[in-house]
């Protein structure tokens, strides 16, 4: 995220993390270009606090590498990430309870769900391993019936 440390939400997170001694050395903020496949393959969590309607597919790459997304219920994240607390059998990440609309809302909501994620990671390894398995097995592709529906619409146009 170029110029990420100039973003007030990122600054708030850095300040919060600096106060938590037990979290020292466990966070990485990306402020530039890196090989995302290598990053996701070596990371446990990725934070996706978008307030706008994100259209990036990077969270799907993270899922394939078992890097669990902590995301807002906005846009594509809401459509493609199932919250483990909403669906204990096939949940593949964590989402805020509601859409994020402003900085204050974003920080409070995101802090709450991130702490839930860290609690599960720290205190329930078997559930965390199930979460990783679900994430790596997610099928984000379209089945043939959906493709045919879009093909029919396209042909009618």
N, C-alpha and C. Protein backbone atom coordinates (compact mmCIF):
# COMPACT_ATOMS: atom_id res chain seq x y z
N UNK A 1 0.85 -1.16 0.00
CA UNK A 1 0.00 0.00 0.00
C UNK A 1 0.90 1.23 0.00
N UNK A 2 1.13 1.79 -1.17
CA UNK A 2 2.01 2.96 -1.25
C UNK A 2 1.54 4.08 -0.32
N UNK A 3 2.48 4.69 0.37
CA UNK A 3 2.18 5.78 1.30
C UNK A 3 1.23 5.34 2.41
N UNK A 4 1.24 4.07 2.75
CA UNK A 4 0.32 3.51 3.74
C UNK A 4 0.42 4.16 5.10
N UNK A 5 1.61 4.53 5.51
CA UNK A 5 1.76 5.12 6.83
C UNK A 5 1.23 6.55 6.91
N UNK A 6 0.78 7.09 5.78
CA UNK A 6 0.12 8.39 5.80
C UNK A 6 -1.39 8.23 5.98
N UNK A 7 -1.89 7.01 5.89
CA UNK A 7 -3.31 6.71 6.06
C UNK A 7 -3.64 6.67 7.55
N UNK A 8 -4.70 7.36 7.97
CA UNK A 8 -5.02 7.44 9.40
C UNK A 8 -5.37 6.08 10.00
N UNK A 9 -6.02 5.21 9.24
CA UNK A 9 -6.36 3.88 9.76
C UNK A 9 -5.10 3.06 10.00
N UNK A 10 -4.16 3.12 9.06
CA UNK A 10 -2.91 2.38 9.23
C UNK A 10 -2.13 2.95 10.41
N UNK A 11 -2.08 4.27 10.53
CA UNK A 11 -1.41 4.89 11.68
C UNK A 11 -2.02 4.41 12.99
N UNK A 12 -3.35 4.35 13.04
CA UNK A 12 -4.03 3.88 14.26
C UNK A 12 -3.63 2.45 14.59
N UNK A 13 -3.54 1.60 13.55
CA UNK A 13 -3.15 0.21 13.78
C UNK A 13 -1.73 0.12 14.31
N UNK A 14 -0.83 0.88 13.72
CA UNK A 14 0.56 0.85 14.16
C UNK A 14 0.65 1.30 15.61
N UNK A 15 -0.05 2.37 15.96
CA UNK A 15 -0.05 2.85 17.35
C UNK A 15 -0.61 1.78 18.29
N UNK A 16 -1.69 1.14 17.90
CA UNK A 16 -2.28 0.08 18.72
C UNK A 16 -1.29 -1.07 18.92
N UNK A 17 -0.67 -1.51 17.84
CA UNK A 17 0.26 -2.64 17.91
C UNK A 17 1.50 -2.31 18.72
N UNK A 18 1.95 -1.06 18.66
CA UNK A 18 3.12 -0.67 19.44
C UNK A 18 2.85 -0.75 20.94
N UNK A 19 1.59 -0.63 21.34
CA UNK A 19 1.22 -0.70 22.76
C UNK A 19 1.09 -2.14 23.25
N UNK A 20 0.99 -3.09 22.33
CA UNK A 20 0.78 -4.50 22.69
C UNK A 20 2.10 -5.26 22.61
N UNK A 21 2.75 -5.40 23.73
CA UNK A 21 4.06 -6.05 23.76
C UNK A 21 4.01 -7.48 23.23
N UNK A 22 2.92 -8.20 23.51
CA UNK A 22 2.81 -9.59 23.08
C UNK A 22 2.68 -9.73 21.56
N UNK A 23 2.41 -8.64 20.86
CA UNK A 23 2.28 -8.67 19.40
C UNK A 23 3.53 -8.18 18.69
N UNK A 24 4.54 -7.82 19.44
CA UNK A 24 5.78 -7.29 18.86
C UNK A 24 6.40 -8.30 17.89
N UNK A 25 6.76 -7.83 16.73
CA UNK A 25 7.43 -8.67 15.73
C UNK A 25 6.51 -9.62 14.99
N UNK A 26 5.20 -9.47 15.15
CA UNK A 26 4.28 -10.40 14.51
C UNK A 26 3.45 -9.76 13.41
N UNK A 27 3.74 -8.51 13.07
CA UNK A 27 2.95 -7.81 12.06
C UNK A 27 3.88 -7.25 10.99
N UNK A 28 3.38 -7.22 9.78
CA UNK A 28 4.10 -6.65 8.66
C UNK A 28 3.14 -5.77 7.89
N UNK A 29 3.48 -4.50 7.73
CA UNK A 29 2.70 -3.62 6.88
C UNK A 29 3.45 -3.48 5.57
N UNK A 30 2.75 -3.76 4.48
CA UNK A 30 3.36 -3.68 3.16
C UNK A 30 3.20 -2.26 2.65
N UNK A 31 4.30 -1.62 2.34
CA UNK A 31 4.28 -0.26 1.84
C UNK A 31 5.11 -0.20 0.56
N UNK A 32 4.70 -0.95 -0.42
CA UNK A 32 5.44 -1.03 -1.68
C UNK A 32 5.19 -2.36 -2.36
N UNK A 33 5.96 -2.66 -3.38
CA UNK A 33 5.75 -3.88 -4.15
C UNK A 33 6.58 -5.03 -3.60
N UNK A 34 5.92 -6.18 -3.41
CA UNK A 34 6.59 -7.40 -3.01
C UNK A 34 5.97 -8.55 -3.78
N UNK A 35 6.57 -9.72 -3.69
CA UNK A 35 5.99 -10.91 -4.30
C UNK A 35 4.87 -11.41 -3.38
N UNK A 36 3.63 -11.16 -3.77
CA UNK A 36 2.50 -11.49 -2.89
C UNK A 36 2.35 -12.99 -2.66
N UNK A 37 2.67 -13.81 -3.63
CA UNK A 37 2.57 -15.26 -3.42
C UNK A 37 3.48 -15.70 -2.29
N UNK A 38 4.72 -15.20 -2.30
CA UNK A 38 5.64 -15.55 -1.21
C UNK A 38 5.17 -15.01 0.12
N UNK A 39 4.64 -13.79 0.11
CA UNK A 39 4.14 -13.20 1.35
C UNK A 39 2.99 -14.02 1.91
N UNK A 40 2.00 -14.32 1.07
CA UNK A 40 0.83 -15.07 1.54
C UNK A 40 1.20 -16.48 1.98
N UNK A 41 2.17 -17.09 1.30
CA UNK A 41 2.59 -18.44 1.66
C UNK A 41 3.27 -18.47 3.03
N UNK A 42 3.82 -17.34 3.46
CA UNK A 42 4.53 -17.32 4.74
C UNK A 42 3.75 -16.61 5.85
N UNK A 43 2.58 -16.08 5.54
CA UNK A 43 1.80 -15.32 6.53
C UNK A 43 0.62 -16.14 7.04
N UNK A 44 0.16 -15.80 8.24
CA UNK A 44 -1.01 -16.46 8.82
C UNK A 44 -2.29 -15.68 8.58
N UNK A 45 -2.20 -14.35 8.58
CA UNK A 45 -3.36 -13.48 8.42
C UNK A 45 -3.05 -12.37 7.43
N UNK A 46 -4.08 -11.92 6.74
CA UNK A 46 -3.98 -10.69 5.96
C UNK A 46 -5.18 -9.82 6.31
N UNK A 47 -4.93 -8.55 6.57
CA UNK A 47 -5.99 -7.62 6.96
C UNK A 47 -6.46 -6.85 5.74
N UNK A 48 -7.79 -6.83 5.54
CA UNK A 48 -8.38 -6.19 4.37
C UNK A 48 -9.50 -5.24 4.81
N UNK A 49 -9.14 -4.08 5.35
CA UNK A 49 -10.15 -3.18 5.92
C UNK A 49 -10.75 -2.18 4.94
N UNK A 50 -11.07 -2.59 3.74
CA UNK A 50 -11.56 -1.66 2.72
C UNK A 50 -12.96 -1.14 3.06
N UNK A 51 -13.13 0.17 2.93
CA UNK A 51 -14.45 0.77 3.12
C UNK A 51 -15.17 0.91 1.79
N UNK A 52 -14.41 1.10 0.73
CA UNK A 52 -15.03 1.20 -0.59
C UNK A 52 -15.36 -0.20 -1.07
N UNK A 53 -15.91 -0.28 -2.26
CA UNK A 53 -16.25 -1.57 -2.84
C UNK A 53 -15.01 -2.15 -3.51
N UNK A 54 -14.24 -2.97 -2.79
CA UNK A 54 -13.00 -3.49 -3.37
C UNK A 54 -13.28 -4.46 -4.51
N UNK A 55 -12.45 -4.41 -5.52
CA UNK A 55 -12.60 -5.32 -6.65
C UNK A 55 -11.37 -6.19 -6.84
N UNK A 56 -10.48 -6.19 -5.88
CA UNK A 56 -9.25 -6.96 -5.99
C UNK A 56 -9.51 -8.43 -5.72
N UNK A 57 -8.79 -9.26 -6.44
CA UNK A 57 -8.88 -10.70 -6.23
C UNK A 57 -7.73 -11.21 -5.37
N UNK A 58 -6.95 -10.31 -4.78
CA UNK A 58 -5.78 -10.72 -4.01
C UNK A 58 -6.14 -11.58 -2.80
N UNK A 59 -7.30 -11.35 -2.22
CA UNK A 59 -7.70 -12.19 -1.08
C UNK A 59 -7.89 -13.64 -1.51
N UNK A 60 -8.27 -13.87 -2.76
CA UNK A 60 -8.41 -15.24 -3.25
C UNK A 60 -7.04 -15.91 -3.35
N UNK A 61 -6.03 -15.13 -3.73
CA UNK A 61 -4.66 -15.65 -3.74
C UNK A 61 -4.22 -15.98 -2.32
N UNK A 62 -4.53 -15.10 -1.38
CA UNK A 62 -4.19 -15.36 0.03
C UNK A 62 -4.85 -16.65 0.50
N UNK A 63 -6.12 -16.84 0.18
CA UNK A 63 -6.83 -18.05 0.60
C UNK A 63 -6.15 -19.30 0.06
N UNK A 64 -5.75 -19.27 -1.20
CA UNK A 64 -5.11 -20.44 -1.81
C UNK A 64 -3.83 -20.84 -1.08
N UNK A 65 -3.16 -19.87 -0.46
CA UNK A 65 -1.94 -20.15 0.29
C UNK A 65 -2.19 -20.38 1.77
N UNK A 66 -3.46 -20.39 2.18
CA UNK A 66 -3.78 -20.62 3.59
C UNK A 66 -3.54 -19.41 4.47
N UNK A 67 -3.47 -18.25 3.87
CA UNK A 67 -3.33 -16.99 4.61
C UNK A 67 -4.75 -16.47 4.85
N UNK A 68 -5.17 -16.47 6.09
CA UNK A 68 -6.56 -16.21 6.43
C UNK A 68 -6.87 -14.71 6.36
N UNK A 69 -7.93 -14.35 5.60
CA UNK A 69 -8.30 -12.94 5.51
C UNK A 69 -9.16 -12.48 6.69
N UNK A 70 -8.85 -11.30 7.16
CA UNK A 70 -9.69 -10.59 8.12
C UNK A 70 -10.18 -9.38 7.32
N UNK A 71 -11.47 -9.35 7.01
CA UNK A 71 -11.97 -8.39 6.03
C UNK A 71 -13.22 -7.67 6.49
N UNK A 72 -13.54 -6.61 5.77
CA UNK A 72 -14.80 -5.91 5.98
C UNK A 72 -15.89 -6.65 5.21
N UNK A 73 -17.12 -6.38 5.54
CA UNK A 73 -18.25 -6.97 4.82
C UNK A 73 -18.61 -6.09 3.63
N UNK A 74 -17.63 -5.59 2.93
CA UNK A 74 -17.85 -4.70 1.80
C UNK A 74 -17.48 -5.42 0.51
N UNK A 75 -18.26 -5.17 -0.52
CA UNK A 75 -17.94 -5.60 -1.87
C UNK A 75 -17.64 -7.07 -2.02
N UNK A 76 -16.62 -7.35 -2.80
CA UNK A 76 -16.26 -8.73 -3.13
C UNK A 76 -15.86 -9.54 -1.90
N UNK A 77 -15.32 -8.88 -0.89
CA UNK A 77 -14.95 -9.60 0.33
C UNK A 77 -16.19 -10.23 0.96
N UNK A 78 -17.28 -9.50 0.99
CA UNK A 78 -18.50 -10.03 1.58
C UNK A 78 -19.04 -11.20 0.76
N UNK A 79 -18.85 -11.14 -0.55
CA UNK A 79 -19.37 -12.18 -1.43
C UNK A 79 -18.52 -13.45 -1.45
N UNK A 80 -17.23 -13.34 -1.20
CA UNK A 80 -16.34 -14.49 -1.42
C UNK A 80 -15.68 -15.04 -0.16
N UNK A 81 -15.78 -14.34 0.96
CA UNK A 81 -15.20 -14.84 2.20
C UNK A 81 -16.34 -15.21 3.13
N UNK A 82 -16.37 -16.46 3.57
CA UNK A 82 -17.38 -16.85 4.56
C UNK A 82 -16.74 -16.82 5.94
N UNK A 83 -17.39 -16.10 6.84
CA UNK A 83 -16.86 -15.93 8.20
C UNK A 83 -16.98 -17.24 8.97
N UNK A 84 -15.92 -17.62 9.64
CA UNK A 84 -15.90 -18.87 10.41
C UNK A 84 -16.96 -18.86 11.50
N UNK A 85 -17.31 -17.68 12.02
CA UNK A 85 -18.33 -17.61 13.07
C UNK A 85 -19.75 -17.65 12.50
N UNK A 86 -19.88 -17.42 11.17
CA UNK A 86 -21.17 -17.57 10.50
C UNK A 86 -21.38 -19.00 10.01
N UNK A 87 -20.29 -19.66 9.64
CA UNK A 87 -20.35 -21.01 9.07
C UNK A 87 -19.17 -21.82 9.59
N UNK A 88 -19.39 -22.56 10.65
CA UNK A 88 -18.31 -23.30 11.31
C UNK A 88 -17.77 -24.46 10.47
N UNK A 89 -18.50 -24.90 9.45
CA UNK A 89 -18.02 -26.05 8.67
C UNK A 89 -17.22 -25.64 7.45
N UNK A 90 -17.55 -24.51 6.83
CA UNK A 90 -16.81 -24.12 5.63
C UNK A 90 -16.30 -22.68 5.67
N UNK A 91 -16.34 -22.04 6.84
CA UNK A 91 -15.81 -20.68 6.97
C UNK A 91 -14.34 -20.64 6.61
N UNK A 92 -13.94 -19.56 5.94
CA UNK A 92 -12.55 -19.47 5.46
C UNK A 92 -11.88 -18.16 5.87
N UNK A 93 -12.49 -17.40 6.77
CA UNK A 93 -11.90 -16.13 7.18
C UNK A 93 -12.73 -15.47 8.26
N UNK A 94 -12.50 -14.19 8.44
CA UNK A 94 -13.20 -13.40 9.44
C UNK A 94 -13.69 -12.13 8.77
N UNK A 95 -14.91 -11.70 9.13
CA UNK A 95 -15.46 -10.46 8.59
C UNK A 95 -16.07 -9.63 9.71
N UNK A 96 -16.05 -8.32 9.52
CA UNK A 96 -16.71 -7.43 10.46
C UNK A 96 -18.21 -7.74 10.45
N UNK A 97 -18.91 -7.37 11.51
CA UNK A 97 -20.35 -7.63 11.60
C UNK A 97 -21.14 -6.81 10.59
N UNK A 98 -20.66 -5.62 10.25
CA UNK A 98 -21.38 -4.73 9.33
C UNK A 98 -20.38 -4.10 8.37
N UNK A 99 -20.90 -3.46 7.34
CA UNK A 99 -20.05 -2.74 6.41
C UNK A 99 -19.33 -1.61 7.14
N UNK A 100 -18.14 -1.28 6.68
CA UNK A 100 -17.38 -0.18 7.25
C UNK A 100 -17.70 1.09 6.48
N UNK A 101 -17.93 2.18 7.22
CA UNK A 101 -18.34 3.41 6.56
C UNK A 101 -17.45 4.61 6.86
N UNK A 102 -16.74 4.62 7.99
CA UNK A 102 -15.88 5.75 8.33
C UNK A 102 -14.68 5.27 9.13
N UNK A 103 -13.71 6.16 9.38
CA UNK A 103 -12.48 5.77 10.08
C UNK A 103 -12.74 5.21 11.47
N UNK A 104 -13.59 5.88 12.23
CA UNK A 104 -13.85 5.43 13.61
C UNK A 104 -14.50 4.05 13.60
N UNK A 105 -15.51 3.89 12.76
CA UNK A 105 -16.21 2.62 12.63
C UNK A 105 -15.24 1.53 12.17
N UNK A 106 -14.40 1.88 11.21
CA UNK A 106 -13.45 0.92 10.67
C UNK A 106 -12.52 0.41 11.75
N UNK A 107 -11.93 1.32 12.52
CA UNK A 107 -10.97 0.90 13.52
C UNK A 107 -11.61 0.05 14.60
N UNK A 108 -12.74 0.48 15.15
CA UNK A 108 -13.40 -0.26 16.23
C UNK A 108 -13.87 -1.63 15.76
N UNK A 109 -14.53 -1.69 14.62
CA UNK A 109 -15.03 -2.96 14.10
C UNK A 109 -13.89 -3.89 13.72
N UNK A 110 -12.87 -3.32 13.10
CA UNK A 110 -11.76 -4.14 12.65
C UNK A 110 -10.92 -4.65 13.82
N UNK A 111 -10.77 -3.82 14.82
CA UNK A 111 -10.05 -4.25 16.01
C UNK A 111 -10.76 -5.44 16.66
N UNK A 112 -12.06 -5.37 16.76
CA UNK A 112 -12.84 -6.44 17.39
C UNK A 112 -12.67 -7.77 16.64
N UNK A 113 -12.80 -7.75 15.33
CA UNK A 113 -12.72 -9.00 14.57
C UNK A 113 -11.27 -9.50 14.50
N UNK A 114 -10.31 -8.58 14.48
CA UNK A 114 -8.91 -9.00 14.49
C UNK A 114 -8.55 -9.67 15.80
N UNK A 115 -9.05 -9.14 16.90
CA UNK A 115 -8.81 -9.77 18.20
C UNK A 115 -9.46 -11.16 18.27
N UNK A 116 -10.65 -11.32 17.66
CA UNK A 116 -11.28 -12.65 17.60
C UNK A 116 -10.40 -13.62 16.81
N UNK A 117 -9.85 -13.13 15.69
CA UNK A 117 -8.97 -13.97 14.86
C UNK A 117 -7.73 -14.37 15.63
N UNK A 118 -7.12 -13.42 16.32
CA UNK A 118 -5.92 -13.72 17.11
C UNK A 118 -6.22 -14.68 18.25
N UNK A 119 -7.37 -14.54 18.86
CA UNK A 119 -7.77 -15.45 19.93
C UNK A 119 -7.91 -16.88 19.41
N UNK A 120 -8.56 -17.04 18.27
CA UNK A 120 -8.70 -18.38 17.68
C UNK A 120 -7.34 -18.94 17.30
N UNK A 121 -6.50 -18.10 16.70
CA UNK A 121 -5.15 -18.51 16.29
C UNK A 121 -4.33 -18.98 17.50
N UNK A 122 -4.42 -18.24 18.59
CA UNK A 122 -3.61 -18.51 19.77
C UNK A 122 -4.15 -19.67 20.61
N UNK A 123 -5.47 -19.74 20.78
CA UNK A 123 -6.06 -20.66 21.75
C UNK A 123 -6.75 -21.88 21.19
N UNK A 124 -6.91 -21.97 19.87
CA UNK A 124 -7.63 -23.11 19.32
C UNK A 124 -6.97 -23.57 18.01
N UNK A 125 -5.81 -24.22 18.12
CA UNK A 125 -5.08 -24.62 16.91
C UNK A 125 -5.86 -25.56 15.99
N UNK A 126 -6.70 -26.42 16.55
CA UNK A 126 -7.45 -27.34 15.68
C UNK A 126 -8.46 -26.58 14.83
N UNK A 127 -9.12 -25.58 15.41
CA UNK A 127 -10.05 -24.76 14.62
C UNK A 127 -9.29 -23.92 13.60
N UNK A 128 -8.11 -23.43 13.98
CA UNK A 128 -7.31 -22.65 13.05
C UNK A 128 -6.89 -23.51 11.86
N UNK A 129 -6.49 -24.76 12.13
CA UNK A 129 -6.10 -25.66 11.04
C UNK A 129 -7.28 -25.96 10.12
N UNK A 130 -8.49 -26.09 10.68
CA UNK A 130 -9.69 -26.28 9.86
C UNK A 130 -9.92 -25.05 8.99
N UNK A 131 -9.71 -23.89 9.56
CA UNK A 131 -9.86 -22.64 8.82
C UNK A 131 -8.90 -22.59 7.63
N UNK A 132 -7.65 -22.98 7.86
CA UNK A 132 -6.66 -23.01 6.78
C UNK A 132 -7.09 -24.01 5.70
N UNK A 133 -7.53 -25.18 6.12
CA UNK A 133 -7.99 -26.20 5.16
C UNK A 133 -9.15 -25.66 4.32
N UNK A 134 -10.13 -25.04 4.99
CA UNK A 134 -11.26 -24.46 4.26
C UNK A 134 -10.81 -23.39 3.28
N UNK A 135 -9.88 -22.55 3.72
CA UNK A 135 -9.39 -21.47 2.86
C UNK A 135 -8.70 -22.03 1.62
N UNK A 136 -7.87 -23.04 1.81
CA UNK A 136 -7.12 -23.59 0.68
C UNK A 136 -8.01 -24.40 -0.27
N UNK A 137 -9.16 -24.85 0.21
CA UNK A 137 -10.06 -25.65 -0.62
C UNK A 137 -11.21 -24.85 -1.22
N UNK A 138 -11.25 -23.53 -0.97
CA UNK A 138 -12.35 -22.73 -1.49
C UNK A 138 -12.36 -22.77 -3.01
N UNK A 139 -13.56 -22.93 -3.56
CA UNK A 139 -13.73 -22.91 -5.01
C UNK A 139 -14.36 -21.58 -5.38
N UNK A 140 -13.57 -20.69 -5.92
CA UNK A 140 -14.09 -19.37 -6.26
C UNK A 140 -14.50 -19.28 -7.74
N UNK A 141 -14.48 -20.41 -8.41
CA UNK A 141 -14.87 -20.42 -9.82
C UNK A 141 -16.38 -20.52 -9.99
N UNK A 142 -16.82 -20.30 -11.19
CA UNK A 142 -18.23 -20.40 -11.51
C UNK A 142 -18.51 -21.81 -12.03
N UNK A 143 -19.68 -22.35 -11.68
CA UNK A 143 -20.05 -23.64 -12.23
C UNK A 143 -20.67 -23.44 -13.62
N UNK A 144 -20.86 -24.51 -14.33
CA UNK A 144 -21.31 -24.44 -15.72
C UNK A 144 -22.67 -23.75 -15.85
N UNK A 145 -23.58 -23.99 -14.90
CA UNK A 145 -24.92 -23.40 -14.97
C UNK A 145 -24.85 -21.87 -14.92
N UNK A 146 -24.00 -21.33 -14.08
CA UNK A 146 -23.86 -19.87 -13.97
C UNK A 146 -23.28 -19.31 -15.27
N UNK A 147 -22.29 -19.98 -15.81
CA UNK A 147 -21.69 -19.52 -17.07
C UNK A 147 -22.74 -19.52 -18.17
N UNK A 148 -23.57 -20.55 -18.22
CA UNK A 148 -24.62 -20.63 -19.24
C UNK A 148 -25.65 -19.51 -19.08
N UNK A 149 -25.97 -19.14 -17.84
CA UNK A 149 -26.90 -18.03 -17.62
C UNK A 149 -26.33 -16.73 -18.17
N UNK A 150 -25.06 -16.46 -17.90
CA UNK A 150 -24.43 -15.25 -18.43
C UNK A 150 -24.31 -15.32 -19.95
N UNK A 151 -24.07 -16.49 -20.49
CA UNK A 151 -23.97 -16.66 -21.94
C UNK A 151 -25.33 -16.37 -22.59
N UNK A 152 -26.40 -16.80 -21.96
CA UNK A 152 -27.76 -16.53 -22.48
C UNK A 152 -28.03 -15.04 -22.47
N UNK A 153 -27.70 -14.36 -21.39
CA UNK A 153 -27.89 -12.91 -21.32
C UNK A 153 -27.07 -12.22 -22.40
N UNK A 154 -25.83 -12.62 -22.55
CA UNK A 154 -24.95 -12.03 -23.55
C UNK A 154 -25.54 -12.20 -24.96
N UNK A 155 -26.02 -13.42 -25.27
CA UNK A 155 -26.58 -13.69 -26.59
C UNK A 155 -27.83 -12.86 -26.84
N UNK A 156 -28.65 -12.62 -25.80
CA UNK A 156 -29.85 -11.81 -25.97
C UNK A 156 -29.50 -10.35 -26.23
N UNK A 157 -28.40 -9.89 -25.63
CA UNK A 157 -27.98 -8.50 -25.87
C UNK A 157 -27.50 -8.33 -27.30
